[in-house]
Amino acid sequence: MAAERVNKILVIVFGFFALIAVLAAQAAVLKPTPPAIKARSYILQDFDTGTVLVEHNADEPVEPASLTKMMTVYVALAQLADGKFQMGDPVLISKKAWKMGGSKMFIEVGKQVPVVDLLKGVIIQSGNDASVALAEFVAGDESAFADLMNQYASQLGMTNTNFVNSSGLPHTDHYSTARDMANLAAALIRDFPEHYPLHAVRTYTWNNIKQYNRNPLLTRDDSVDGVKTGHTESAGYCLVASAKQDDMRLVSALLGSKSEDSRLTETQSLLRYGFRFFETDRVYEGGAAIRQVRVWQGETEQVEMGIANDLYVTVPRGEFKKLDTGIVVEEQILAPVRAGQQLGVVSITLHGEPIAERPLLALGEVAKGGLWRRLSDYVKLWFE
């Protein structure tokens, strides 16, 4: 009888601890369903990894309205980086630019305005006049500039986008998607970090007219530092936003909301959800040694391996410590080895599901060894 009691007690104890373990494992991955967003299409993704956290109709072509101006800015900054012009270069304002309706910077026909001020007029004031003036300066006319916009869009992988103007005024052949707009915003942040802070400037004055940034989230949420609003009667209210908390940056794109207030509250709901229930962390540093590997018949016997760029992953909060790493290396690595040569693969999984994979590259060079080293290693390989 005593033995039976002991066995029962052990069963109860082990069952209790097993239940605790199961509940603990479940608690780490519990997260609510994404918020119900009232908009035609939207997407929320992590900046560093590109991981999509929430999406709805993200590839549906819709009118982007003034979100278009993100590409206008991207093209101008890309041409600036290529040395085609300087920030201080004067731009002669045409009659077409001056006559543009809608949101305006209030530039005057026949006057000269520096490129840097036109960029501020586009980014902060969402000036249609500034967009056309910038387009004419960069490409000669707006049609040629639209062609440039589409070429850059293609390079950025914006496969469901087509531009016909620089301002975003409605046109049947002028369209984009939530996914393409989010990726464009990420490209602006990634490719032009020195100019991106302009998107967080809250006011700008030109021609003695002070205007406020069209993105009210800048004053509602300190973590938000961009990017662009848009609105036409046919497109509805649109907003692409980026926010950063600690080391995690999120990018959202929301198109076709019913009101100005709705696009703000819905965007905040997306961002709060992303920051609350997900985390992005760096697994490996780019260029840093992950492992040494044996090199045969070389001047030295070892070479360090690593990845080219930082490897980040986005996972539900509390799951980062549960990541598993797998490294596969070529069976026999023979000298010479050149720097940057792929020697293997590192993979990251979570609960057996693949998260990321990167090639392992040689971080240094190994030249062929002398005759004695080559013969010695040849014999060792033969016996192995």
Protein backbone atom coordinates (compact mmCIF):
# COMPACT_ATOMS: atom_id res chain seq x y z
CA MET A 1 0.00 0.00 0.00
CA ALA A 2 2.80 2.40 0.85
CA ALA A 3 4.43 1.78 -2.55
CA GLU A 4 1.14 2.52 -4.32
CA ARG A 5 0.78 5.80 -2.43
CA VAL A 6 4.31 6.82 -3.36
CA ASN A 7 3.62 6.03 -7.00
CA LYS A 8 0.39 8.07 -6.95
CA ILE A 9 2.19 10.99 -5.36
CA LEU A 10 4.96 10.81 -7.96
CA VAL A 11 2.41 10.74 -10.78
CA ILE A 12 0.65 13.80 -9.35
CA VAL A 13 3.94 15.68 -8.86
CA PHE A 14 5.25 14.90 -12.34
CA GLY A 15 1.87 15.76 -13.85
CA PHE A 16 1.85 19.07 -12.01
CA PHE A 17 5.29 20.05 -13.28
CA ALA A 18 4.43 18.90 -16.79
CA LEU A 19 1.35 21.12 -16.72
CA ILE A 20 3.41 24.07 -15.51
CA ALA A 21 5.91 23.50 -18.34
CA VAL A 22 3.12 23.39 -20.95
CA LEU A 23 1.49 26.55 -19.60
CA ALA A 24 4.83 28.36 -19.53
CA ALA A 25 5.53 27.38 -23.11
CA GLN A 26 2.09 28.54 -24.20
CA ALA A 27 2.38 31.83 -22.32
CA ALA A 28 5.50 32.73 -24.25
CA VAL A 29 3.76 32.54 -27.62
CA LEU A 30 0.31 33.86 -26.75
CA LYS A 31 -0.62 36.91 -28.78
CA PRO A 32 -3.99 38.31 -29.80
CA THR A 33 -5.30 38.47 -33.31
CA PRO A 34 -4.27 41.63 -35.17
CA PRO A 35 -6.48 44.69 -34.68
CA ALA A 36 -9.48 45.13 -36.98
CA ILE A 37 -8.42 47.98 -39.24
CA LYS A 38 -10.93 50.03 -41.22
CA ALA A 39 -9.11 50.71 -44.48
CA ARG A 40 -9.08 49.38 -48.00
CA SER A 41 -5.58 47.94 -47.68
CA TYR A 42 -2.76 48.01 -45.15
CA ILE A 43 0.45 46.34 -44.05
CA LEU A 44 2.75 46.40 -41.03
CA GLN A 45 6.30 45.12 -41.31
CA ASP A 46 9.60 45.21 -39.48
CA PHE A 47 12.22 47.51 -41.01
CA ASP A 48 15.32 45.41 -40.35
CA THR A 49 13.96 42.02 -41.38
CA GLY A 50 11.10 42.86 -43.71
CA THR A 51 8.93 40.43 -41.73
CA VAL A 52 5.25 41.16 -42.33
CA LEU A 53 3.31 41.26 -39.05
CA VAL A 54 -0.11 42.27 -40.37
CA GLU A 55 -1.52 42.69 -43.87
CA HIS A 56 -4.82 43.05 -45.70
CA ASN A 57 -5.19 43.47 -49.46
CA ALA A 58 -1.54 44.55 -49.41
CA ASP A 59 -1.05 43.79 -53.12
CA GLU A 60 -4.25 45.39 -54.38
CA PRO A 61 -3.46 48.29 -56.78
CA VAL A 62 -5.00 51.50 -55.47
CA GLU A 63 -4.49 55.24 -55.80
CA PRO A 64 -1.54 56.32 -53.66
CA ALA A 65 -2.42 60.03 -53.70
CA SER A 66 0.39 62.11 -52.16
CA LEU A 67 2.22 58.99 -50.97
CA THR A 68 3.59 59.29 -54.50
CA LYS A 69 5.83 62.07 -53.25
CA MET A 70 7.94 59.51 -51.38
CA MET A 71 9.15 58.31 -54.78
CA THR A 72 9.62 61.90 -55.95
CA VAL A 73 11.92 62.42 -52.98
CA TYR A 74 13.64 59.06 -53.50
CA VAL A 75 14.46 59.83 -57.14
CA ALA A 76 15.76 63.31 -56.28
CA LEU A 77 17.97 61.98 -53.48
CA ALA A 78 19.26 59.14 -55.67
CA GLN A 79 20.21 61.60 -58.40
CA LEU A 80 21.80 63.85 -55.78
CA ALA A 81 23.85 60.92 -54.49
CA ASP A 82 25.00 60.25 -58.06
CA GLY A 83 26.40 63.77 -58.24
CA LYS A 84 23.90 65.05 -60.82
CA PHE A 85 23.35 68.25 -58.83
CA GLN A 86 23.88 69.84 -55.41
CA MET A 87 21.47 70.72 -52.62
CA GLY A 88 22.14 74.42 -53.10
CA ASP A 89 21.54 74.46 -56.86
CA PRO A 90 18.85 76.99 -57.84
CA VAL A 91 15.70 75.78 -59.59
CA LEU A 92 13.78 78.14 -61.88
CA ILE A 93 10.07 77.81 -61.15
CA SER A 94 7.94 77.18 -64.23
CA LYS A 95 4.39 78.36 -64.84
CA LYS A 96 3.18 74.74 -64.70
CA ALA A 97 4.68 74.23 -61.24
CA TRP A 98 3.35 77.55 -59.96
CA LYS A 99 -0.20 76.80 -61.20
CA MET A 100 -0.48 73.41 -59.47
CA GLY A 101 -3.54 73.14 -57.26
CA GLY A 102 -4.05 71.23 -54.05
CA SER A 103 -1.46 71.38 -51.29
CA LYS A 104 1.18 73.98 -52.08
CA MET A 105 4.54 75.27 -50.97
CA PHE A 106 3.61 78.65 -52.50
CA ILE A 107 6.62 79.06 -54.77
CA GLU A 108 6.38 81.82 -57.38
CA VAL A 109 6.77 81.58 -61.15
CA GLY A 110 10.06 82.91 -62.48
CA LYS A 111 11.75 82.82 -59.07
CA GLN A 112 14.69 80.54 -58.21
CA VAL A 113 14.41 78.14 -55.28
CA PRO A 114 17.27 75.94 -53.99
CA VAL A 115 16.85 72.17 -54.31
CA VAL A 116 17.01 71.72 -50.53
CA ASP A 117 14.02 74.03 -50.04
CA LEU A 118 12.00 72.23 -52.69
CA LEU A 119 12.71 68.96 -50.91
CA LYS A 120 11.41 70.45 -47.67
CA GLY A 121 8.37 71.73 -49.54
CA VAL A 122 7.64 68.23 -50.82
CA ILE A 123 8.37 66.34 -47.59
CA ILE A 124 6.98 68.71 -44.96
CA GLN A 125 4.33 70.71 -46.81
CA SER A 126 3.40 68.07 -49.41
CA GLY A 127 3.56 70.79 -52.05
CA ASN A 128 2.31 69.74 -55.48
CA ASP A 129 4.03 72.83 -56.88
CA ALA A 130 7.35 71.84 -55.27
CA SER A 131 6.99 68.27 -56.62
CA VAL A 132 6.57 69.45 -60.21
CA ALA A 133 9.41 71.98 -59.89
CA LEU A 134 11.72 69.29 -58.57
CA ALA A 135 10.67 66.85 -61.29
CA GLU A 136 11.32 69.39 -64.05
CA PHE A 137 14.72 70.23 -62.61
CA VAL A 138 15.84 66.60 -62.29
CA ALA A 139 14.54 65.21 -65.60
CA GLY A 140 13.60 68.14 -67.84
CA ASP A 141 9.85 67.62 -67.61
CA GLU A 142 7.41 65.70 -65.44
CA SER A 143 6.81 62.94 -68.00
CA ALA A 144 10.51 62.09 -68.16
CA PHE A 145 10.66 62.23 -64.37
CA ALA A 146 7.77 59.75 -64.12
CA ASP A 147 9.80 57.40 -66.30
CA LEU A 148 12.66 57.70 -63.82
CA MET A 149 10.24 57.03 -60.98
CA ASN A 150 9.16 53.78 -62.61
CA GLN A 151 12.74 52.70 -63.24
CA TYR A 152 13.64 53.19 -59.57
CA ALA A 153 10.41 51.46 -58.55
CA SER A 154 11.44 48.45 -60.61
CA GLN A 155 14.88 48.39 -58.96
CA LEU A 156 13.21 48.44 -55.53
CA GLY A 157 10.95 45.50 -56.43
CA MET A 158 7.74 47.53 -56.50
CA THR A 159 6.04 45.13 -58.88
CA ASN A 160 2.48 46.49 -58.62
CA THR A 161 3.24 50.19 -59.05
CA ASN A 162 3.11 52.64 -61.93
CA PHE A 163 3.62 56.40 -61.79
CA VAL A 164 2.55 59.02 -64.33
CA ASN A 165 3.19 62.16 -62.27
CA SER A 166 5.28 63.42 -59.37
CA SER A 167 2.50 64.69 -57.10
CA GLY A 168 -0.01 61.84 -56.91
CA LEU A 169 -2.93 63.59 -58.63
CA PRO A 170 -5.49 60.98 -59.78
CA HIS A 171 -4.90 59.17 -63.08
CA THR A 172 -6.13 55.78 -64.26
CA ASP A 173 -2.56 54.60 -64.89
CA HIS A 174 -1.19 55.93 -61.61
CA TYR A 175 -1.38 53.27 -58.89
CA SER A 176 0.51 51.39 -56.19
CA THR A 177 -0.07 49.03 -53.26
CA ALA A 178 0.30 49.05 -49.50
CA ARG A 179 3.22 46.62 -49.76
CA ASP A 180 5.04 48.66 -52.39
CA MET A 181 4.54 51.88 -50.42
CA ALA A 182 5.87 50.29 -47.21
CA ASN A 183 8.91 48.96 -49.07
CA LEU A 184 9.50 52.39 -50.62
CA ALA A 185 9.42 54.01 -47.18
CA ALA A 186 11.91 51.44 -45.89
CA ALA A 187 14.16 52.19 -48.86
CA LEU A 188 14.07 55.91 -48.08
CA ILE A 189 15.15 55.23 -44.52
CA ARG A 190 17.80 52.68 -45.48
CA ASP A 191 19.33 54.37 -48.55
CA PHE A 192 19.31 58.00 -47.40
CA PRO A 193 19.67 58.02 -43.61
CA GLU A 194 21.30 61.46 -43.65
CA HIS A 195 18.22 63.01 -45.28
CA TYR A 196 15.46 60.96 -43.69
CA PRO A 197 15.24 63.21 -40.56
CA LEU A 198 13.57 65.84 -42.78
CA HIS A 199 10.41 63.72 -42.52
CA ALA A 200 10.22 64.47 -38.79
CA VAL A 201 10.46 68.28 -39.16
CA ARG A 202 7.16 69.62 -37.86
CA THR A 203 6.98 73.06 -39.49
CA TYR A 204 8.45 74.85 -42.47
CA THR A 205 8.07 78.44 -43.63
CA TRP A 206 8.39 79.57 -47.23
CA ASN A 207 7.31 82.87 -48.75
CA ASN A 208 6.38 84.00 -45.21
CA ILE A 209 3.80 81.22 -44.99
CA LYS A 210 4.28 78.82 -42.09
CA GLN A 211 2.89 75.33 -42.62
CA TYR A 212 2.79 72.29 -40.38
CA ASN A 213 3.90 68.80 -41.34
CA ARG A 214 0.95 66.95 -42.84
CA ASN A 215 1.64 63.96 -40.58
CA PRO A 216 -0.05 64.66 -37.19
CA LEU A 217 1.36 61.42 -35.75
CA LEU A 218 4.60 63.31 -35.26
CA THR A 219 2.96 65.22 -32.41
CA ARG A 220 0.82 62.33 -31.14
CA ASP A 221 3.54 59.72 -30.81
CA ASP A 222 7.19 60.44 -30.00
CA SER A 223 8.30 57.15 -31.55
CA VAL A 224 7.00 58.20 -35.00
CA ASP A 225 9.53 60.01 -37.22
CA GLY A 226 7.83 59.88 -40.66
CA VAL A 227 6.79 59.29 -43.33
CA LYS A 228 3.95 60.66 -45.53
CA THR A 229 0.22 61.31 -45.70
CA GLY A 230 -1.98 61.37 -48.77
CA HIS A 231 -5.55 62.18 -49.67
CA THR A 232 -7.81 62.62 -52.65
CA GLU A 233 -11.55 62.10 -52.83
CA SER A 234 -11.09 58.93 -54.88
CA ALA A 235 -8.12 57.53 -52.93
CA GLY A 236 -9.45 58.24 -49.46
CA TYR A 237 -7.12 59.00 -46.58
CA CYS A 238 -3.69 57.35 -46.72
CA LEU A 239 -0.72 57.24 -44.37
CA VAL A 240 2.68 55.59 -44.44
CA ALA A 241 4.33 55.76 -41.04
CA SER A 242 7.56 54.65 -39.43
CA ALA A 243 8.24 54.45 -35.72
CA LYS A 244 11.15 53.30 -33.61
CA GLN A 245 11.16 52.01 -30.05
CA ASP A 246 14.51 51.01 -28.57
CA ASP A 247 16.24 49.13 -31.42
CA MET A 248 13.08 48.07 -33.24
CA ARG A 249 11.68 50.03 -36.19
CA LEU A 250 8.31 49.32 -37.79
CA VAL A 251 6.90 50.58 -41.08
CA SER A 252 3.17 50.68 -41.81
CA ALA A 253 1.19 51.62 -44.90
CA LEU A 254 -2.54 52.26 -44.76
CA LEU A 255 -4.53 53.24 -47.85
CA GLY A 256 -8.20 54.06 -48.36
CA SER A 257 -9.24 55.05 -44.84
CA LYS A 258 -12.55 56.92 -44.39
CA SER A 259 -11.31 59.98 -42.52
CA GLU A 260 -8.22 61.87 -41.43
CA ASP A 261 -8.73 60.85 -37.81
CA SER A 262 -9.33 57.23 -38.78
CA ARG A 263 -6.04 56.90 -40.65
CA LEU A 264 -4.23 58.17 -37.56
CA THR A 265 -5.95 55.97 -34.97
CA GLU A 266 -5.78 52.89 -37.21
CA THR A 267 -2.08 53.42 -37.89
CA GLN A 268 -1.43 53.81 -34.17
CA SER A 269 -3.29 50.54 -33.56
CA LEU A 270 -1.03 48.75 -36.04
CA LEU A 271 2.14 50.18 -34.54
CA ARG A 272 1.10 49.42 -30.96
CA TYR A 273 0.29 45.84 -31.90
CA GLY A 274 3.68 45.37 -33.55
CA PHE A 275 5.72 46.81 -30.71
CA ARG A 276 3.70 45.06 -27.99
CA PHE A 277 3.72 41.53 -29.34
CA PHE A 278 6.89 41.23 -31.44
CA GLU A 279 10.59 41.84 -31.02
CA THR A 280 13.46 42.19 -33.46
CA ASP A 281 16.96 41.25 -32.36
CA ARG A 282 20.33 40.77 -33.98
CA VAL A 283 21.49 37.17 -34.08
CA TYR A 284 24.86 37.74 -35.78
CA GLU A 285 26.93 40.80 -36.56
CA GLY A 286 27.96 41.27 -40.15
CA GLY A 287 31.69 40.80 -40.70
CA ALA A 288 32.25 39.22 -37.29
CA ALA A 289 33.64 35.70 -36.91
CA ILE A 290 31.02 33.03 -36.24
CA ARG A 291 33.30 30.00 -36.50
CA GLN A 292 36.73 28.90 -37.65
CA VAL A 293 37.01 26.16 -40.24
CA ARG A 294 39.83 23.85 -41.30
CA VAL A 295 41.60 24.71 -44.57
CA TRP A 296 43.66 21.98 -46.21
CA GLN A 297 46.92 22.52 -48.11
CA GLY A 298 47.09 26.17 -47.16
CA GLU A 299 49.64 28.47 -45.56
CA THR A 300 47.48 28.43 -42.45
CA GLU A 301 45.14 25.72 -41.21
CA GLN A 302 42.19 27.88 -40.17
CA VAL A 303 40.06 30.65 -41.61
CA GLU A 304 37.27 32.57 -39.90
CA MET A 305 33.76 32.54 -41.34
CA GLY A 306 30.97 35.08 -40.96
CA ILE A 307 28.08 36.71 -42.78
CA ALA A 308 28.22 39.82 -44.95
CA ASN A 309 25.62 41.92 -43.10
CA ASP A 310 23.93 41.94 -39.71
CA LEU A 311 21.35 39.17 -39.37
CA TYR A 312 18.17 40.27 -37.58
CA VAL A 313 15.09 38.17 -36.88
CA THR A 314 11.58 39.19 -35.87
CA VAL A 315 9.73 36.80 -33.56
CA PRO A 316 6.88 36.93 -31.03
CA ARG A 317 8.04 38.51 -27.78
CA GLY A 318 9.66 36.00 -25.45
CA GLU A 319 10.67 33.65 -28.25
CA PHE A 320 14.12 34.97 -29.11
CA LYS A 321 15.86 32.73 -26.58
CA LYS A 322 14.21 29.70 -28.18
CA LEU A 323 15.88 30.18 -31.56
CA ASP A 324 18.03 27.33 -32.82
CA THR A 325 21.10 27.83 -35.00
CA GLY A 326 22.40 25.34 -37.52
CA ILE A 327 25.71 25.58 -39.36
CA VAL A 328 26.63 23.46 -42.37
CA VAL A 329 30.19 23.72 -43.72
CA GLU A 330 31.70 22.28 -46.88
CA GLU A 331 33.23 18.87 -46.22
CA GLN A 332 36.73 19.67 -47.46
CA ILE A 333 37.95 23.22 -47.99
CA LEU A 334 41.12 23.39 -50.05
CA ALA A 335 43.45 26.37 -50.42
CA PRO A 336 43.50 28.85 -51.95
CA VAL A 337 40.56 30.49 -50.18
CA ARG A 338 39.62 34.01 -51.17
CA ALA A 339 37.95 36.54 -48.87
CA GLY A 340 34.19 36.46 -49.41
CA GLN A 341 34.18 32.89 -50.72
CA GLN A 342 31.15 30.93 -49.53
CA LEU A 343 32.18 28.08 -47.25
CA GLY A 344 28.87 27.08 -45.74
CA VAL A 345 25.42 28.16 -44.57
CA VAL A 346 24.00 29.31 -41.23
CA SER A 347 20.28 28.83 -40.62
CA ILE A 348 17.95 30.03 -37.88
CA THR A 349 14.82 28.12 -36.86
CA LEU A 350 12.09 28.58 -34.27
CA HIS A 351 10.22 25.48 -33.10
CA GLY A 352 11.55 23.69 -36.16
CA GLU A 353 10.28 26.34 -38.59
CA PRO A 354 12.88 28.18 -40.72
CA ILE A 355 13.28 31.87 -39.87
CA ALA A 356 16.38 32.93 -41.79
CA GLU A 357 19.33 31.56 -43.74
CA ARG A 358 22.57 33.24 -44.80
CA PRO A 359 25.73 32.10 -46.61
CA LEU A 360 28.85 31.76 -44.46
CA LEU A 361 31.73 33.62 -46.09
CA ALA A 362 35.48 33.48 -45.56
CA LEU A 363 36.55 36.59 -43.64
CA GLY A 364 40.15 36.29 -44.78
CA GLU A 365 42.36 34.74 -47.43
CA VAL A 366 44.42 31.55 -47.26
CA ALA A 367 47.04 31.07 -49.95
CA LYS A 368 48.35 27.68 -51.02
CA GLY A 369 50.92 26.31 -48.64
CA GLY A 370 54.42 25.15 -49.52
CA LEU A 371 55.20 21.76 -50.99
CA TRP A 372 55.70 20.08 -47.61
CA ARG A 373 52.37 21.44 -46.24
CA ARG A 374 50.48 20.35 -49.34
CA LEU A 375 52.00 16.85 -49.27
CA SER A 376 51.38 16.48 -45.54
CA ASP A 377 47.73 17.49 -45.86
CA TYR A 378 47.32 15.28 -48.93
CA VAL A 379 48.38 12.27 -46.89
CA LYS A 380 46.10 13.20 -43.98
CA LEU A 381 43.14 13.59 -46.35
CA TRP A 382 43.94 10.24 -47.95
CA PHE A 383 43.84 8.47 -44.60
CA GLU A 384 40.65 10.28 -43.59
